[in-house]
Amino acid sequence: MRAATGDRVIVEGTRPGVPRRDGEVIALHRVDGEPPWEVLWSDTGHSTLFFPGPDTHLHHFTGQDASGHPHQPSGRPHAPSTAERGDQAGAGEPADGGPARARPSSPGDLGRRVALRREQLGLSREQTAVQAGMAVPYLEYLETSPTEVERGALARLAAVLGTSVDQLLGGGLDLPPGRAGAAAHPVLEELARAECWERLATDGVGRVALGTAAGPVVLPVNYWVLDGTLIFRTAAEGPLAAAVGQRVAFEVDRIDEVQRTGWSVLATGTAERIDDRPALAHLKQRDKPSPWAGGERDLWIRIKPTDISGRVIRTTDEPTR
């Protein structure tokens, strides 16, 4: 189904109580006219990004009204396509003065967060789209293309993914996590040793705590789990280089802002420099771990925990493992 600017979109009400909607295509996101389109809806006066379903009909703009006179569009100025807008696509407020649509903090962020959260929950794109009441092609477009999303659709998507609109948009990234109040009935439990290793998984971001002449230091690192050891990389002249030969603590945690639950694992052991060439060659070949901070980090350190413990905060509504 291909559209042109000025075409009329009609969406039939296929369920009882769901009215028929109509609107005008005011912008195209693809030069060939394929969906999605920017549609100005007559019932709300707001425009949204629209992906047609089987209940959608398209009446092509002919340039004349029913009396044969030149057709006058909705009175809005021409809305340029994505190709015409270039780098400024989606940068302005809605021209009708209505509420701004939800925008990610930078292009593509929203789609990546949606896809990651969906994969964490083990949901397919089809399952997620059906539960959120949206077309599968629309969700695919959202996950793979920088775009604006109507807040109502984003709220439904957040509910399916067990998160919030703010989290999907990357809100609060400059603030510490866990700022909401406690859940109504929290339960604090100890994690078994095997559960602690399960939470550590194979890689991630943790924190190394060590003592220095100036006092305790706690720094985040990308780490990798290999053969019962925790491995991280640092700069030879960096503050974490002082960890070699010391007994240090290593901590990993994760929280769920929406459910107000979380867990933490604490491991302690002596940090050792990895010097044997076969082990180093293996790590370098796998590029594990790969520090997000970048730069020259050619000092590889491993911690073989002698003690490991963990705790989890659940709610009474959350099933135990």
C-alpha atoms as a PDB file:
ATOM      1  CA  MET A   1       0.000   0.000   0.000  1.00  0.00           C
ATOM      2  CA  ARG A   2       1.566   3.269  -1.165  1.00  0.00           C
ATOM      3  CA  ALA A   3       0.457   6.756  -0.226  1.00  0.00           C
ATOM      4  CA  ALA A   4       1.134  10.327  -1.270  1.00  0.00           C
ATOM      5  CA  THR A   5       0.872  13.534   0.696  1.00  0.00           C
ATOM      6  CA  GLY A   6      -2.803  14.552   0.865  1.00  0.00           C
ATOM      7  CA  ASP A   7      -4.226  11.028   0.645  1.00  0.00           C
ATOM      8  CA  ARG A   8      -7.069  10.180   3.020  1.00  0.00           C
ATOM      9  CA  VAL A   9      -6.614   7.311   5.474  1.00  0.00           C
ATOM     10  CA  ILE A  10      -9.692   5.484   6.786  1.00  0.00           C
ATOM     11  CA  VAL A  11      -9.433   2.935   9.581  1.00  0.00           C
ATOM     12  CA  GLU A  12     -12.566   0.858  10.064  1.00  0.00           C
ATOM     13  CA  GLY A  13     -13.776   0.121  13.590  1.00  0.00           C
ATOM     14  CA  THR A  14     -13.491  -3.664  13.640  1.00  0.00           C
ATOM     15  CA  ARG A  15     -14.558  -4.125  17.274  1.00  0.00           C
ATOM     16  CA  PRO A  16     -17.718  -3.049  19.082  1.00  0.00           C
ATOM     17  CA  GLY A  17     -17.316   0.391  20.577  1.00  0.00           C
ATOM     18  CA  VAL A  18     -14.268   1.220  18.448  1.00  0.00           C
ATOM     19  CA  PRO A  19     -15.207   4.115  16.114  1.00  0.00           C
ATOM     20  CA  ARG A  20     -14.058   4.543  12.573  1.00  0.00           C
ATOM     21  CA  ARG A  21     -11.137   6.977  12.197  1.00  0.00           C
ATOM     22  CA  ASP A  22      -9.991   9.065   9.294  1.00  0.00           C
ATOM     23  CA  GLY A  23      -7.070  11.324   8.674  1.00  0.00           C
ATOM     24  CA  GLU A  24      -4.806  12.878   6.077  1.00  0.00           C
ATOM     25  CA  VAL A  25      -1.306  11.801   5.091  1.00  0.00           C
ATOM     26  CA  ILE A  26       0.829  14.868   5.762  1.00  0.00           C
ATOM     27  CA  ALA A  27       4.321  13.383   5.418  1.00  0.00           C
ATOM     28  CA  LEU A  28       6.059  10.329   4.041  1.00  0.00           C
ATOM     29  CA  HIS A  29       8.959   8.518   5.689  1.00  0.00           C
ATOM     30  CA  ARG A  30       9.917   6.637   2.512  1.00  0.00           C
ATOM     31  CA  VAL A  31      10.311   8.109  -0.948  1.00  0.00           C
ATOM     32  CA  ASP A  32       8.301   5.243  -2.521  1.00  0.00           C
ATOM     33  CA  GLY A  33       5.248   6.018  -0.386  1.00  0.00           C
ATOM     34  CA  GLU A  34       5.377   2.749   1.552  1.00  0.00           C
ATOM     35  CA  PRO A  35       4.471   2.880   5.271  1.00  0.00           C
ATOM     36  CA  PRO A  36       4.881   4.310   7.787  1.00  0.00           C
ATOM     37  CA  TRP A  37       3.164   7.630   7.105  1.00  0.00           C
ATOM     38  CA  GLU A  38       2.634  10.736   9.193  1.00  0.00           C
ATOM     39  CA  VAL A  39      -1.159  11.062   9.526  1.00  0.00           C
ATOM     40  CA  LEU A  40      -3.134  14.031  10.853  1.00  0.00           C
ATOM     41  CA  TRP A  41      -6.237  12.558  12.520  1.00  0.00           C
ATOM     42  CA  SER A  42      -9.528  14.427  12.252  1.00  0.00           C
ATOM     43  CA  ASP A  43     -10.835  13.266  15.651  1.00  0.00           C
ATOM     44  CA  THR A  44      -7.882  14.510  17.707  1.00  0.00           C
ATOM     45  CA  GLY A  45      -6.220  17.140  15.537  1.00  0.00           C
ATOM     46  CA  HIS A  46      -2.851  15.483  16.293  1.00  0.00           C
ATOM     47  CA  SER A  47      -0.512  13.709  13.926  1.00  0.00           C
ATOM     48  CA  THR A  48       1.079  10.339  14.583  1.00  0.00           C
ATOM     49  CA  LEU A  49       3.340   7.887  12.824  1.00  0.00           C
ATOM     50  CA  PHE A  50       0.984   5.281  11.339  1.00  0.00           C
ATOM     51  CA  PHE A  51       1.482   1.763  10.027  1.00  0.00           C
ATOM     52  CA  PRO A  52      -1.666   0.499   8.219  1.00  0.00           C
ATOM     53  CA  GLY A  53      -3.309  -2.778   9.133  1.00  0.00           C
ATOM     54  CA  PRO A  54      -5.882  -4.943   7.310  1.00  0.00           C
ATOM     55  CA  ASP A  55      -8.651  -2.571   8.488  1.00  0.00           C
ATOM     56  CA  THR A  56      -7.080   0.428   6.694  1.00  0.00           C
ATOM     57  CA  HIS A  57      -8.319   1.941   3.430  1.00  0.00           C
ATOM     58  CA  LEU A  58      -6.512   4.595   1.423  1.00  0.00           C
ATOM     59  CA  HIS A  59      -8.278   7.184  -0.764  1.00  0.00           C
ATOM     60  CA  HIS A  60      -5.767   8.761  -3.074  1.00  0.00           C
ATOM     61  CA  PHE A  61      -5.648  12.545  -3.409  1.00  0.00           C
ATOM     62  CA  THR A  62      -6.800  13.614  -6.911  1.00  0.00           C
ATOM     63  CA  GLY A  63      -6.174  17.341  -6.659  1.00  0.00           C
ATOM     64  CA  GLN A  64      -9.899  18.179  -6.941  1.00  0.00           C
ATOM     65  CA  ASP A  65     -12.783  18.105  -4.527  1.00  0.00           C
ATOM     66  CA  ALA A  66     -16.209  16.605  -5.273  1.00  0.00           C
ATOM     67  CA  SER A  67     -17.322  19.766  -7.201  1.00  0.00           C
ATOM     68  CA  GLY A  68     -14.275  19.670  -9.456  1.00  0.00           C
ATOM     69  CA  HIS A  69     -12.497  22.580  -7.784  1.00  0.00           C
ATOM     70  CA  PRO A  70      -8.854  22.311  -6.704  1.00  0.00           C
ATOM     71  CA  HIS A  71      -8.611  20.397  -3.449  1.00  0.00           C
ATOM     72  CA  GLN A  72      -7.399  22.360  -0.460  1.00  0.00           C
ATOM     73  CA  PRO A  73      -5.538  20.179   2.064  1.00  0.00           C
ATOM     74  CA  SER A  74      -6.050  20.475   5.789  1.00  0.00           C
ATOM     75  CA  GLY A  75      -4.710  24.028   5.975  1.00  0.00           C
ATOM     76  CA  ARG A  76      -1.406  22.904   7.469  1.00  0.00           C
ATOM     77  CA  PRO A  77       1.802  23.834   5.672  1.00  0.00           C
ATOM     78  CA  HIS A  78       3.438  21.117   3.615  1.00  0.00           C
ATOM     79  CA  ALA A  79       5.082  18.565   5.903  1.00  0.00           C
ATOM     80  CA  PRO A  80       8.344  17.417   4.284  1.00  0.00           C
ATOM     81  CA  SER A  81       9.283  13.777   4.044  1.00  0.00           C
ATOM     82  CA  THR A  82      12.141  12.266   6.021  1.00  0.00           C
ATOM     83  CA  ALA A  83      14.377  12.558   2.970  1.00  0.00           C
ATOM     84  CA  GLU A  84      13.523  16.259   2.624  1.00  0.00           C
ATOM     85  CA  ARG A  85      14.033  16.999   6.341  1.00  0.00           C
ATOM     86  CA  GLY A  86      17.431  15.301   6.474  1.00  0.00           C
ATOM     87  CA  ASP A  87      19.146  15.640   9.839  1.00  0.00           C
ATOM     88  CA  GLN A  88      16.291  17.754  11.213  1.00  0.00           C
ATOM     89  CA  ALA A  89      13.691  14.981  10.898  1.00  0.00           C
ATOM     90  CA  GLY A  90      11.486  14.882  13.939  1.00  0.00           C
ATOM     91  CA  ALA A  91      13.301  17.732  15.672  1.00  0.00           C
ATOM     92  CA  GLY A  92      10.359  20.142  16.036  1.00  0.00           C
ATOM     93  CA  GLU A  93       7.211  20.231  18.151  1.00  0.00           C
ATOM     94  CA  PRO A  94       3.858  19.160  16.638  1.00  0.00           C
ATOM     95  CA  ALA A  95       2.622  22.014  14.439  1.00  0.00           C
ATOM     96  CA  ASP A  96      -0.913  21.775  15.827  1.00  0.00           C
ATOM     97  CA  GLY A  97       0.233  22.762  19.320  1.00  0.00           C
ATOM     98  CA  GLY A  98      -0.822  19.425  20.765  1.00  0.00           C
ATOM     99  CA  PRO A  99       1.176  17.428  23.291  1.00  0.00           C
ATOM    100  CA  ALA A 100       4.623  16.449  22.109  1.00  0.00           C
ATOM    101  CA  ARG A 101       5.098  12.859  21.123  1.00  0.00           C
ATOM    102  CA  ALA A 102       7.579  10.780  23.058  1.00  0.00           C
ATOM    103  CA  ARG A 103      11.153  11.220  21.905  1.00  0.00           C
ATOM    104  CA  PRO A 104      14.219   9.152  22.799  1.00  0.00           C
ATOM    105  CA  SER A 105      17.274  10.906  24.165  1.00  0.00           C
ATOM    106  CA  SER A 106      19.108  10.353  20.865  1.00  0.00           C
ATOM    107  CA  PRO A 107      18.214   8.727  17.529  1.00  0.00           C
ATOM    108  CA  GLY A 108      17.751   4.961  17.812  1.00  0.00           C
ATOM    109  CA  ASP A 109      17.923   4.823  21.616  1.00  0.00           C
ATOM    110  CA  LEU A 110      14.247   3.987  22.037  1.00  0.00           C
ATOM    111  CA  GLY A 111      14.342   1.147  19.531  1.00  0.00           C
ATOM    112  CA  ARG A 112      17.432  -0.381  21.107  1.00  0.00           C
ATOM    113  CA  ARG A 113      15.911  -0.211  24.593  1.00  0.00           C
ATOM    114  CA  VAL A 114      12.660  -1.791  23.418  1.00  0.00           C
ATOM    115  CA  ALA A 115      14.464  -4.621  21.628  1.00  0.00           C
ATOM    116  CA  LEU A 116      16.803  -5.288  24.576  1.00  0.00           C
ATOM    117  CA  ARG A 117      13.987  -5.340  27.134  1.00  0.00           C
ATOM    118  CA  ARG A 118      11.905  -7.614  24.892  1.00  0.00           C
ATOM    119  CA  GLU A 119      14.802 -10.058  24.532  1.00  0.00           C
ATOM    120  CA  GLN A 120      15.427 -10.002  28.295  1.00  0.00           C
ATOM    121  CA  LEU A 121      11.828 -11.097  28.831  1.00  0.00           C
ATOM    122  CA  GLY A 122      12.057 -13.791  26.169  1.00  0.00           C
ATOM    123  CA  LEU A 123       9.291 -12.210  24.077  1.00  0.00           C
ATOM    124  CA  SER A 124       9.206 -12.404  20.306  1.00  0.00           C
ATOM    125  CA  ARG A 125       8.468  -9.302  18.286  1.00  0.00           C
ATOM    126  CA  GLU A 126       5.107 -10.825  17.293  1.00  0.00           C
ATOM    127  CA  GLN A 127       4.110 -11.565  20.908  1.00  0.00           C
ATOM    128  CA  THR A 128       5.061  -8.062  22.014  1.00  0.00           C
ATOM    129  CA  ALA A 129       3.200  -6.355  19.176  1.00  0.00           C
ATOM    130  CA  VAL A 130      -0.011  -8.338  19.763  1.00  0.00           C
ATOM    131  CA  GLN A 131      -0.003  -7.639  23.509  1.00  0.00           C
ATOM    132  CA  ALA A 132       0.681  -3.932  22.908  1.00  0.00           C
ATOM    133  CA  GLY A 133      -2.086  -3.668  20.323  1.00  0.00           C
ATOM    134  CA  MET A 134       0.168  -2.631  17.452  1.00  0.00           C
ATOM    135  CA  ALA A 135       1.084  -4.032  14.063  1.00  0.00           C
ATOM    136  CA  VAL A 136       4.163  -6.253  13.918  1.00  0.00           C
ATOM    137  CA  PRO A 137       5.696  -4.223  11.040  1.00  0.00           C
ATOM    138  CA  TYR A 138       5.275  -1.065  13.121  1.00  0.00           C
ATOM    139  CA  LEU A 139       7.167  -2.578  16.076  1.00  0.00           C
ATOM    140  CA  GLU A 140       9.888  -3.759  13.699  1.00  0.00           C
ATOM    141  CA  TYR A 141      10.170  -0.235  12.293  1.00  0.00           C
ATOM    142  CA  LEU A 142      10.282   1.243  15.793  1.00  0.00           C
ATOM    143  CA  GLU A 143      13.093  -1.121  16.845  1.00  0.00           C
ATOM    144  CA  THR A 144      15.211  -0.550  13.770  1.00  0.00           C
ATOM    145  CA  SER A 145      14.639   3.107  12.812  1.00  0.00           C
ATOM    146  CA  PRO A 146      14.972   6.391  14.728  1.00  0.00           C
ATOM    147  CA  THR A 147      11.399   7.640  15.060  1.00  0.00           C
ATOM    148  CA  GLU A 148       8.862   9.418  17.226  1.00  0.00           C
ATOM    149  CA  VAL A 149       6.157   7.394  18.959  1.00  0.00           C
ATOM    150  CA  GLU A 150       2.718   8.434  20.137  1.00  0.00           C
ATOM    151  CA  ARG A 151       2.761   8.430  23.942  1.00  0.00           C
ATOM    152  CA  GLY A 152      -0.311   6.206  24.190  1.00  0.00           C
ATOM    153  CA  ALA A 153       1.336   3.503  22.079  1.00  0.00           C
ATOM    154  CA  LEU A 154       4.551   3.855  24.048  1.00  0.00           C
ATOM    155  CA  ALA A 155       2.661   3.492  27.341  1.00  0.00           C
ATOM    156  CA  ARG A 156       1.067   0.240  26.136  1.00  0.00           C
ATOM    157  CA  LEU A 157       4.454  -1.034  25.021  1.00  0.00           C
ATOM    158  CA  ALA A 158       6.037  -0.142  28.377  1.00  0.00           C
ATOM    159  CA  ALA A 159       3.267  -2.027  30.205  1.00  0.00           C
ATOM    160  CA  VAL A 160       3.872  -5.173  28.132  1.00  0.00           C
ATOM    161  CA  LEU A 161       7.620  -4.926  28.770  1.00  0.00           C
ATOM    162  CA  GLY A 162       7.160  -4.404  32.518  1.00  0.00           C
ATOM    163  CA  THR A 163       8.874  -1.033  32.533  1.00  0.00           C
ATOM    164  CA  SER A 164       7.996   2.642  32.263  1.00  0.00           C
ATOM    165  CA  VAL A 165       7.862   5.171  29.452  1.00  0.00           C
ATOM    166  CA  ASP A 166      10.599   7.134  31.185  1.00  0.00           C
ATOM    167  CA  GLN A 167      12.880   4.087  31.266  1.00  0.00           C
ATOM    168  CA  LEU A 168      12.307   3.325  27.572  1.00  0.00           C
ATOM    169  CA  LEU A 169      13.166   6.918  26.718  1.00  0.00           C
ATOM    170  CA  GLY A 170      16.372   6.776  28.757  1.00  0.00           C
ATOM    171  CA  GLY A 171      15.131   9.155  31.426  1.00  0.00           C
ATOM    172  CA  GLY A 172      17.157   9.446  34.604  1.00  0.00           C
ATOM    173  CA  LEU A 173      20.454   8.301  33.089  1.00  0.00           C
ATOM    174  CA  ASP A 174      22.225  11.162  34.864  1.00  0.00           C
ATOM    175  CA  LEU A 175      20.681  10.224  38.219  1.00  0.00           C
ATOM    176  CA  PRO A 176      21.448   7.340  40.580  1.00  0.00           C
ATOM    177  CA  PRO A 177      19.134   4.305  40.312  1.00  0.00           C
ATOM    178  CA  GLY A 178      16.608   3.335  42.957  1.00  0.00           C
ATOM    179  CA  ARG A 179      15.173   6.780  43.694  1.00  0.00           C
ATOM    180  CA  ALA A 180      11.598   5.499  44.085  1.00  0.00           C
ATOM    181  CA  GLY A 181      10.242   4.471  47.481  1.00  0.00           C
ATOM    182  CA  ALA A 182      10.282   0.884  48.699  1.00  0.00           C
ATOM    183  CA  ALA A 183       7.640  -1.613  47.593  1.00  0.00           C
ATOM    184  CA  ALA A 184       4.701  -2.247  49.924  1.00  0.00           C
ATOM    185  CA  HIS A 185       5.924  -5.628  51.204  1.00  0.00           C
ATOM    186  CA  PRO A 186       9.629  -6.185  50.435  1.00  0.00           C
ATOM    187  CA  VAL A 187      11.364  -9.424  51.417  1.00  0.00           C
ATOM    188  CA  LEU A 188      15.168  -9.622  51.806  1.00  0.00           C
ATOM    189  CA  GLU A 189      16.675 -13.083  51.191  1.00  0.00           C
ATOM    190  CA  GLU A 190      20.159 -14.590  51.053  1.00  0.00           C
ATOM    191  CA  LEU A 191      21.346 -16.112  47.779  1.00  0.00           C
ATOM    192  CA  ALA A 192      22.992 -19.532  47.715  1.00  0.00           C
ATOM    193  CA  ARG A 193      26.545 -19.714  46.329  1.00  0.00           C
ATOM    194  CA  ALA A 194      25.318 -21.341  43.102  1.00  0.00           C
ATOM    195  CA  GLU A 195      22.725 -18.586  42.689  1.00  0.00           C
ATOM    196  CA  CYS A 196      25.445 -15.960  43.118  1.00  0.00           C
ATOM    197  CA  TRP A 197      27.428 -17.414  40.231  1.00  0.00           C
ATOM    198  CA  GLU A 198      24.246 -17.589  38.151  1.00  0.00           C
ATOM    199  CA  ARG A 199      23.701 -13.860  38.736  1.00  0.00           C
ATOM    200  CA  LEU A 200      27.276 -13.092  37.729  1.00  0.00           C
ATOM    201  CA  ALA A 201      26.593 -14.941  34.466  1.00  0.00           C
ATOM    202  CA  THR A 202      29.512 -14.672  32.008  1.00  0.00           C
ATOM    203  CA  ASP A 203      30.163 -10.942  31.728  1.00  0.00           C
ATOM    204  CA  GLY A 204      28.872  -7.505  32.626  1.00  0.00           C
ATOM    205  CA  VAL A 205      29.834  -4.461  34.681  1.00  0.00           C
ATOM    206  CA  GLY A 206      30.893  -4.750  38.324  1.00  0.00           C
ATOM    207  CA  ARG A 207      32.832  -2.738  40.888  1.00  0.00           C
ATOM    208  CA  VAL A 208      36.262  -3.409  42.352  1.00  0.00           C
ATOM    209  CA  ALA A 209      36.925  -2.100  45.871  1.00  0.00           C
ATOM    210  CA  LEU A 210      40.487  -1.855  47.185  1.00  0.00           C
ATOM    211  CA  GLY A 211      42.450   0.015  49.805  1.00  0.00           C
ATOM    212  CA  THR A 212      44.985   2.676  48.870  1.00  0.00           C
ATOM    213  CA  ALA A 213      47.223   5.053  50.815  1.00  0.00           C
ATOM    214  CA  ALA A 214      44.607   7.756  50.279  1.00  0.00           C
ATOM    215  CA  GLY A 215      41.747   5.547  51.457  1.00  0.00           C
ATOM    216  CA  PRO A 216      39.292   3.029  49.942  1.00  0.00           C
ATOM    217  CA  VAL A 217      38.669   3.190  46.192  1.00  0.00           C
ATOM    218  CA  VAL A 218      35.689   1.673  44.371  1.00  0.00           C
ATOM    219  CA  LEU A 219      35.734   1.703  40.560  1.00  0.00           C
ATOM    220  CA  PRO A 220      33.486   0.122  37.891  1.00  0.00           C
ATOM    221  CA  VAL A 221      34.947  -2.375  35.414  1.00  0.00           C
ATOM    222  CA  ASN A 222      33.798  -4.578  32.590  1.00  0.00           C
ATOM    223  CA  TYR A 223      34.440  -8.158  33.666  1.00  0.00           C
ATOM    224  CA  TRP A 224      34.351 -11.715  32.369  1.00  0.00           C
ATOM    225  CA  VAL A 225      33.810 -14.960  34.273  1.00  0.00           C
ATOM    226  CA  LEU A 226      36.188 -17.775  33.306  1.00  0.00           C
ATOM    227  CA  ASP A 227      36.860 -21.017  35.188  1.00  0.00           C
ATOM    228  CA  GLY A 228      35.606 -19.693  38.517  1.00  0.00           C
ATOM    229  CA  THR A 229      37.564 -16.426  38.292  1.00  0.00           C
ATOM    230  CA  LEU A 230      36.575 -12.817  37.652  1.00  0.00           C
ATOM    231  CA  ILE A 231      38.720 -11.114  35.022  1.00  0.00           C
ATOM    232  CA  PHE A 232      39.007  -7.418  34.225  1.00  0.00           C
ATOM    233  CA  ARG A 233      41.380  -5.146  32.311  1.00  0.00           C
ATOM    234  CA  THR A 234      42.891  -1.848  33.354  1.00  0.00           C
ATOM    235  CA  ALA A 235      45.642   0.571  32.431  1.00  0.00           C
ATOM    236  CA  ALA A 236      49.116  -0.253  33.723  1.00  0.00           C
ATOM    237  CA  GLU A 237      49.362   3.193  35.330  1.00  0.00           C
ATOM    238  CA  GLY A 238      45.711   3.396  36.382  1.00  0.00           C
ATOM    239  CA  PRO A 239      44.390   3.310  39.961  1.00  0.00           C
ATOM    240  CA  LEU A 240      43.210  -0.299  39.639  1.00  0.00           C
ATOM    241  CA  ALA A 241      46.746  -1.482  38.867  1.00  0.00           C
ATOM    242  CA  ALA A 242      47.328  -1.178  42.626  1.00  0.00           C
ATOM    243  CA  ALA A 243      44.887  -4.057  43.129  1.00  0.00           C
ATOM    244  CA  VAL A 244      47.535  -6.621  42.085  1.00  0.00           C
ATOM    245  CA  GLY A 245      48.586  -8.633  45.143  1.00  0.00           C
ATOM    246  CA  GLN A 246      45.830  -7.149  47.314  1.00  0.00           C
ATOM    247  CA  ARG A 247      42.758  -8.771  48.782  1.00  0.00           C
ATOM    248  CA  VAL A 248      39.907  -6.923  47.100  1.00  0.00           C
ATOM    249  CA  ALA A 249      36.139  -6.978  46.944  1.00  0.00           C
ATOM    250  CA  PHE A 250      34.154  -7.325  43.740  1.00  0.00           C
ATOM    251  CA  GLU A 251      30.466  -6.343  43.633  1.00  0.00           C
ATOM    252  CA  VAL A 252      27.727  -6.684  41.025  1.00  0.00           C
ATOM    253  CA  ASP A 253      24.107  -5.629  41.366  1.00  0.00           C
ATOM    254  CA  ARG A 254      20.948  -5.054  39.387  1.00  0.00           C
ATOM    255  CA  ILE A 255      17.704  -3.298  40.262  1.00  0.00           C
ATOM    256  CA  ASP A 256      14.244  -3.134  38.735  1.00  0.00           C
ATOM    257  CA  GLU A 257      13.046   0.461  39.063  1.00  0.00           C
ATOM    258  CA  VAL A 258       9.434  -0.418  38.286  1.00  0.00           C
ATOM    259  CA  GLN A 259       9.059  -3.403  40.638  1.00  0.00           C
ATOM    260  CA  ARG A 260      11.468  -1.924  43.212  1.00  0.00           C
ATOM    261  CA  THR A 261      13.274  -5.219  43.488  1.00  0.00           C
ATOM    262  CA  GLY A 262      16.929  -6.091  43.001  1.00  0.00           C
ATOM    263  CA  TRP A 263      19.915  -8.204  43.936  1.00  0.00           C
ATOM    264  CA  SER A 264      23.602  -7.861  44.726  1.00  0.00           C
ATOM    265  CA  VAL A 265      26.536 -10.273  44.797  1.00  0.00           C
ATOM    266  CA  LEU A 266      29.779  -9.645  46.706  1.00  0.00           C
ATOM    267  CA  ALA A 267      32.951 -11.673  46.113  1.00  0.00           C
ATOM    268  CA  THR A 268      36.298 -11.279  47.872  1.00  0.00           C
ATOM    269  CA  GLY A 269      39.703 -12.651  46.940  1.00  0.00           C
ATOM    270  CA  THR A 270      43.259 -11.748  45.986  1.00  0.00           C
ATOM    271  CA  ALA A 271      43.803  -9.934  42.700  1.00  0.00           C
ATOM    272  CA  GLU A 272      46.502 -11.481  40.506  1.00  0.00           C
ATOM    273  CA  ARG A 273      48.132 -10.254  37.341  1.00  0.00           C
ATOM    274  CA  ILE A 274      47.702 -12.630  34.373  1.00  0.00           C
ATOM    275  CA  ASP A 275      51.153 -13.206  32.927  1.00  0.00           C
ATOM    276  CA  ASP A 276      51.067 -16.662  31.300  1.00  0.00           C
ATOM    277  CA  ARG A 277      51.111 -16.259  27.549  1.00  0.00           C
ATOM    278  CA  PRO A 278      48.555 -18.971  26.592  1.00  0.00           C
ATOM    279  CA  ALA A 279      45.956 -17.439  28.910  1.00  0.00           C
ATOM    280  CA  LEU A 280      46.650 -13.925  27.640  1.00  0.00           C
ATOM    281  CA  ALA A 281      46.503 -15.071  24.027  1.00  0.00           C
ATOM    282  CA  HIS A 282      43.122 -16.691  24.685  1.00  0.00           C
ATOM    283  CA  LEU A 283      41.728 -13.554  26.304  1.00  0.00           C
ATOM    284  CA  LYS A 284      43.049 -11.249  23.588  1.00  0.00           C
ATOM    285  CA  GLN A 285      41.673 -13.500  20.860  1.00  0.00           C
ATOM    286  CA  ARG A 286      38.211 -13.403  22.453  1.00  0.00           C
ATOM    287  CA  ASP A 287      38.585  -9.696  23.298  1.00  0.00           C
ATOM    288  CA  LYS A 288      37.236 -10.495  26.743  1.00  0.00           C
ATOM    289  CA  PRO A 289      36.471  -8.438  28.656  1.00  0.00           C
ATOM    290  CA  SER A 290      35.995  -5.436  26.381  1.00  0.00           C
ATOM    291  CA  PRO A 291      36.189  -2.196  28.430  1.00  0.00           C
ATOM    292  CA  TRP A 292      33.566   0.385  27.527  1.00  0.00           C
ATOM    293  CA  ALA A 293      35.989   3.122  28.570  1.00  0.00           C
ATOM    294  CA  GLY A 294      38.342   2.265  25.702  1.00  0.00           C
ATOM    295  CA  GLY A 295      41.992   3.310  25.669  1.00  0.00           C
ATOM    296  CA  GLU A 296      45.089   1.221  26.296  1.00  0.00           C
ATOM    297  CA  ARG A 297      44.178  -1.323  28.976  1.00  0.00           C
ATOM    298  CA  ASP A 298      46.801  -4.000  28.621  1.00  0.00           C
ATOM    299  CA  LEU A 299      46.939  -5.117  32.269  1.00  0.00           C
ATOM    300  CA  TRP A 300      44.776  -8.212  32.766  1.00  0.00           C
ATOM    301  CA  ILE A 301      43.792  -9.032  36.337  1.00  0.00           C
ATOM    302  CA  ARG A 302      41.871 -11.966  37.770  1.00  0.00           C
ATOM    303  CA  ILE A 303      40.220 -12.516  41.130  1.00  0.00           C
ATOM    304  CA  LYS A 304      39.616 -16.043  42.371  1.00  0.00           C
ATOM    305  CA  PRO A 305      36.933 -15.563  45.036  1.00  0.00           C
ATOM    306  CA  THR A 306      37.458 -17.257  48.383  1.00  0.00           C
ATOM    307  CA  ASP A 307      34.148 -15.896  49.668  1.00  0.00           C
ATOM    308  CA  ILE A 308      31.023 -15.085  47.734  1.00  0.00           C
ATOM    309  CA  SER A 309      27.596 -14.069  48.985  1.00  0.00           C
ATOM    310  CA  GLY A 310      24.495 -12.366  47.693  1.00  0.00           C
ATOM    311  CA  ARG A 311      21.160 -10.937  48.651  1.00  0.00           C
ATOM    312  CA  VAL A 312      17.925 -10.335  46.777  1.00  0.00           C
ATOM    313  CA  ILE A 313      14.987  -8.047  47.489  1.00  0.00           C
ATOM    314  CA  ARG A 314      11.721  -9.552  46.340  1.00  0.00           C
ATOM    315  CA  THR A 315       8.110  -8.572  46.810  1.00  0.00           C
ATOM    316  CA  THR A 316       5.404 -10.839  48.157  1.00  0.00           C
ATOM    317  CA  ASP A 317       3.863 -10.863  44.648  1.00  0.00           C
ATOM    318  CA  GLU A 318       7.095 -12.075  43.025  1.00  0.00           C
ATOM    319  CA  PRO A 319       7.546 -15.867  42.711  1.00  0.00           C
ATOM    320  CA  THR A 320      10.736 -17.299  44.218  1.00  0.00           C
ATOM    321  CA  ARG A 321      13.145 -19.301  42.083  1.00  0.00           C
END
